[in-house]
C-alpha atoms as a PDB file:
ATOM      1  CA  MET A   1    -101.164 -39.641 -14.224  1.00  0.00           C
ATOM      2  CA  PRO A   2     -97.701 -38.518 -13.038  1.00  0.00           C
ATOM      3  CA  ASP A   3     -97.137 -35.006 -11.862  1.00  0.00           C
ATOM      4  CA  LEU A   4     -95.905 -32.440 -14.387  1.00  0.00           C
ATOM      5  CA  VAL A   5     -93.059 -30.084 -13.648  1.00  0.00           C
ATOM      6  CA  PHE A   6     -93.823 -26.339 -14.115  1.00  0.00           C
ATOM      7  CA  GLU A   7     -91.517 -23.347 -14.169  1.00  0.00           C
ATOM      8  CA  VAL A   8     -92.646 -20.027 -12.837  1.00  0.00           C
ATOM      9  CA  PHE A   9     -91.386 -16.619 -13.974  1.00  0.00           C
ATOM     10  CA  ARG A  10     -92.387 -13.468 -12.172  1.00  0.00           C
ATOM     11  CA  GLN A  11     -92.358  -9.782 -12.857  1.00  0.00           C
ATOM     12  CA  GLU A  12     -91.896  -7.739  -9.701  1.00  0.00           C
ATOM     13  CA  ARG A  13     -93.017  -4.421 -11.204  1.00  0.00           C
ATOM     14  CA  LYS A  14     -94.344  -3.311 -14.556  1.00  0.00           C
ATOM     15  CA  GLY A  15     -91.493  -2.564 -16.935  1.00  0.00           C
ATOM     16  CA  LYS A  16     -89.045  -4.878 -15.111  1.00  0.00           C
ATOM     17  CA  PRO A  17     -87.877  -8.083 -16.719  1.00  0.00           C
ATOM     18  CA  PHE A  18     -89.307 -11.461 -15.787  1.00  0.00           C
ATOM     19  CA  GLU A  19     -87.112 -13.566 -13.495  1.00  0.00           C
ATOM     20  CA  HIS A  20     -87.204 -17.260 -12.835  1.00  0.00           C
ATOM     21  CA  ALA A  21     -89.005 -17.673  -9.527  1.00  0.00           C
ATOM     22  CA  GLY A  22     -88.890 -21.433  -9.157  1.00  0.00           C
ATOM     23  CA  SER A  23     -90.398 -24.702 -10.157  1.00  0.00           C
ATOM     24  CA  PHE A  24     -92.787 -27.301  -8.706  1.00  0.00           C
ATOM     25  CA  ARG A  25     -94.773 -30.401  -9.561  1.00  0.00           C
ATOM     26  CA  ALA A  26     -98.486 -30.369 -10.127  1.00  0.00           C
ATOM     27  CA  PRO A  27    -100.974 -32.913 -11.431  1.00  0.00           C
ATOM     28  CA  ASP A  28    -102.345 -30.585 -14.147  1.00  0.00           C
ATOM     29  CA  GLU A  29    -102.320 -26.943 -15.400  1.00  0.00           C
ATOM     30  CA  ARG A  30    -105.208 -25.840 -13.206  1.00  0.00           C
ATOM     31  CA  ALA A  31    -103.532 -27.070 -10.053  1.00  0.00           C
ATOM     32  CA  ALA A  32    -100.267 -25.530 -11.258  1.00  0.00           C
ATOM     33  CA  GLU A  33    -101.979 -22.140 -11.638  1.00  0.00           C
ATOM     34  CA  ILE A  34    -103.395 -22.369  -8.051  1.00  0.00           C
ATOM     35  CA  TYR A  35     -99.921 -23.379  -6.716  1.00  0.00           C
ATOM     36  CA  ALA A  36     -98.214 -20.587  -8.591  1.00  0.00           C
ATOM     37  CA  ARG A  37    -100.558 -17.983  -7.233  1.00  0.00           C
ATOM     38  CA  GLU A  38    -100.209 -19.318  -3.740  1.00  0.00           C
ATOM     39  CA  PHE A  39     -96.484 -19.717  -3.749  1.00  0.00           C
ATOM     40  CA  TYR A  40     -95.395 -16.680  -5.820  1.00  0.00           C
ATOM     41  CA  ASP A  41     -98.170 -14.068  -5.388  1.00  0.00           C
ATOM     42  CA  ARG A  42     -99.543 -14.726  -1.915  1.00  0.00           C
ATOM     43  CA  ARG A  43     -98.283 -11.357  -0.642  1.00  0.00           C
ATOM     44  CA  HIS A  44     -98.745  -9.549  -3.949  1.00  0.00           C
ATOM     45  CA  GLU A  45     -95.004  -9.387  -4.565  1.00  0.00           C
ATOM     46  CA  SER A  46     -95.515  -9.873  -8.323  1.00  0.00           C
ATOM     47  CA  VAL A  47     -97.542  -7.928 -10.892  1.00  0.00           C
ATOM     48  CA  ARG A  48     -97.454 -10.765 -13.454  1.00  0.00           C
ATOM     49  CA  LEU A  49     -96.618 -14.499 -13.520  1.00  0.00           C
ATOM     50  CA  TRP A  50     -95.727 -16.830 -16.349  1.00  0.00           C
ATOM     51  CA  LEU A  51     -96.379 -20.504 -15.814  1.00  0.00           C
ATOM     52  CA  VAL A  52     -94.674 -22.795 -18.246  1.00  0.00           C
ATOM     53  CA  PRO A  53     -94.618 -26.634 -18.338  1.00  0.00           C
ATOM     54  CA  ARG A  54     -90.962 -27.616 -18.301  1.00  0.00           C
ATOM     55  CA  SER A  55     -91.626 -29.877 -21.318  1.00  0.00           C
ATOM     56  CA  ALA A  56     -92.421 -26.718 -23.355  1.00  0.00           C
ATOM     57  CA  ILE A  57     -88.937 -25.274 -22.772  1.00  0.00           C
ATOM     58  CA  HIS A  58     -86.438 -26.176 -25.485  1.00  0.00           C
ATOM     59  CA  PRO A  59     -82.832 -25.653 -24.469  1.00  0.00           C
ATOM     60  CA  LEU A  60     -80.328 -24.519 -27.103  1.00  0.00           C
ATOM     61  CA  GLU A  61     -77.151 -26.507 -26.717  1.00  0.00           C
ATOM     62  CA  ASP A  62     -73.762 -26.602 -28.452  1.00  0.00           C
ATOM     63  CA  LEU A  63     -73.840 -23.017 -29.522  1.00  0.00           C
ATOM     64  CA  PRO A  64     -70.915 -22.283 -31.835  1.00  0.00           C
ATOM     65  CA  ASP A  65     -68.365 -19.674 -30.803  1.00  0.00           C
ATOM     66  CA  GLU A  66     -68.671 -17.630 -33.976  1.00  0.00           C
ATOM     67  CA  PHE A  67     -66.986 -14.528 -32.650  1.00  0.00           C
ATOM     68  CA  ASP A  68     -63.546 -14.402 -31.113  1.00  0.00           C
ATOM     69  CA  THR A  69     -64.120 -12.266 -27.992  1.00  0.00           C
ATOM     70  CA  SER A  70     -60.704 -12.871 -26.434  1.00  0.00           C
ATOM     71  CA  TYR A  71     -59.931  -9.175 -26.880  1.00  0.00           C
ATOM     72  CA  ARG A  72     -62.617  -8.457 -24.257  1.00  0.00           C
ATOM     73  CA  ARG A  73     -60.862 -10.606 -21.659  1.00  0.00           C
ATOM     74  CA  VAL A  74     -57.950  -9.163 -19.755  1.00  0.00           C
ATOM     75  CA  ASP A  75     -56.277 -12.576 -19.369  1.00  0.00           C
ATOM     76  CA  GLY A  76     -56.403 -13.309 -23.134  1.00  0.00           C
ATOM     77  CA  TYR A  77     -55.045  -9.973 -24.380  1.00  0.00           C
ATOM     78  CA  SER A  78     -51.589  -8.617 -23.791  1.00  0.00           C
ATOM     79  CA  LEU A  79     -51.691  -4.861 -23.992  1.00  0.00           C
ATOM     80  CA  LYS A  80     -47.909  -4.504 -23.808  1.00  0.00           C
ATOM     81  CA  SER A  81     -47.320  -6.764 -26.765  1.00  0.00           C
ATOM     82  CA  ARG A  82     -50.008  -5.043 -28.761  1.00  0.00           C
ATOM     83  CA  LEU A  83     -48.479  -1.644 -28.000  1.00  0.00           C
ATOM     84  CA  ARG A  84     -45.036  -2.918 -28.910  1.00  0.00           C
ATOM     85  CA  GLU A  85     -46.355  -4.254 -32.245  1.00  0.00           C
ATOM     86  CA  ALA A  86     -48.034  -0.912 -32.998  1.00  0.00           C
ATOM     87  CA  ARG A  87     -44.860   1.022 -32.200  1.00  0.00           C
ATOM     88  CA  GLU A  88     -42.814  -1.260 -34.378  1.00  0.00           C
ATOM     89  CA  ARG A  89     -45.222  -0.729 -37.276  1.00  0.00           C
ATOM     90  CA  ALA A  90     -45.102   3.036 -36.664  1.00  0.00           C
ATOM     91  CA  GLY A  91     -41.292   3.000 -36.519  1.00  0.00           C
ATOM     92  CA  THR A  92     -41.207   4.682 -33.115  1.00  0.00           C
ATOM     93  CA  LEU A  93     -39.704   1.771 -31.141  1.00  0.00           C
ATOM     94  CA  ASP A  94     -36.342   2.574 -29.540  1.00  0.00           C
ATOM     95  CA  SER A  95     -34.407  -0.714 -29.511  1.00  0.00           C
ATOM     96  CA  GLY A  96     -32.316   0.374 -26.510  1.00  0.00           C
ATOM     97  CA  SER A  97     -35.104   1.336 -24.229  1.00  0.00           C
ATOM     98  CA  GLY A  98     -36.615  -2.113 -23.654  1.00  0.00           C
ATOM     99  CA  GLY A  99     -39.839  -1.483 -25.557  1.00  0.00           C
ATOM    100  CA  GLU A 100     -40.515   2.145 -24.628  1.00  0.00           C
ATOM    101  CA  ALA A 101     -41.152   4.719 -27.301  1.00  0.00           C
ATOM    102  CA  ALA A 102     -38.440   7.200 -28.053  1.00  0.00           C
END
């Protein structure tokens, strides 16, 4: 029987989120539990461990970009042009000042 790959997630303190600690190969779940305890809780640096066979993890791929978040990015959003557009709509743009409000 080939070794299975297991992923380990650890919680450092109660109330803290779980973080991926690492992965390893083991012949079965019992051996994986022993390995996880030895590798990730030997010095009691975790309060809780999650042991997950990698085959049980289902990645979500090709997520659609349903929301345009370019306004959150500085490089995709020109504040000067947006201000100019707003001033033009408000009628406060002085044509002789190069885009500055009167």
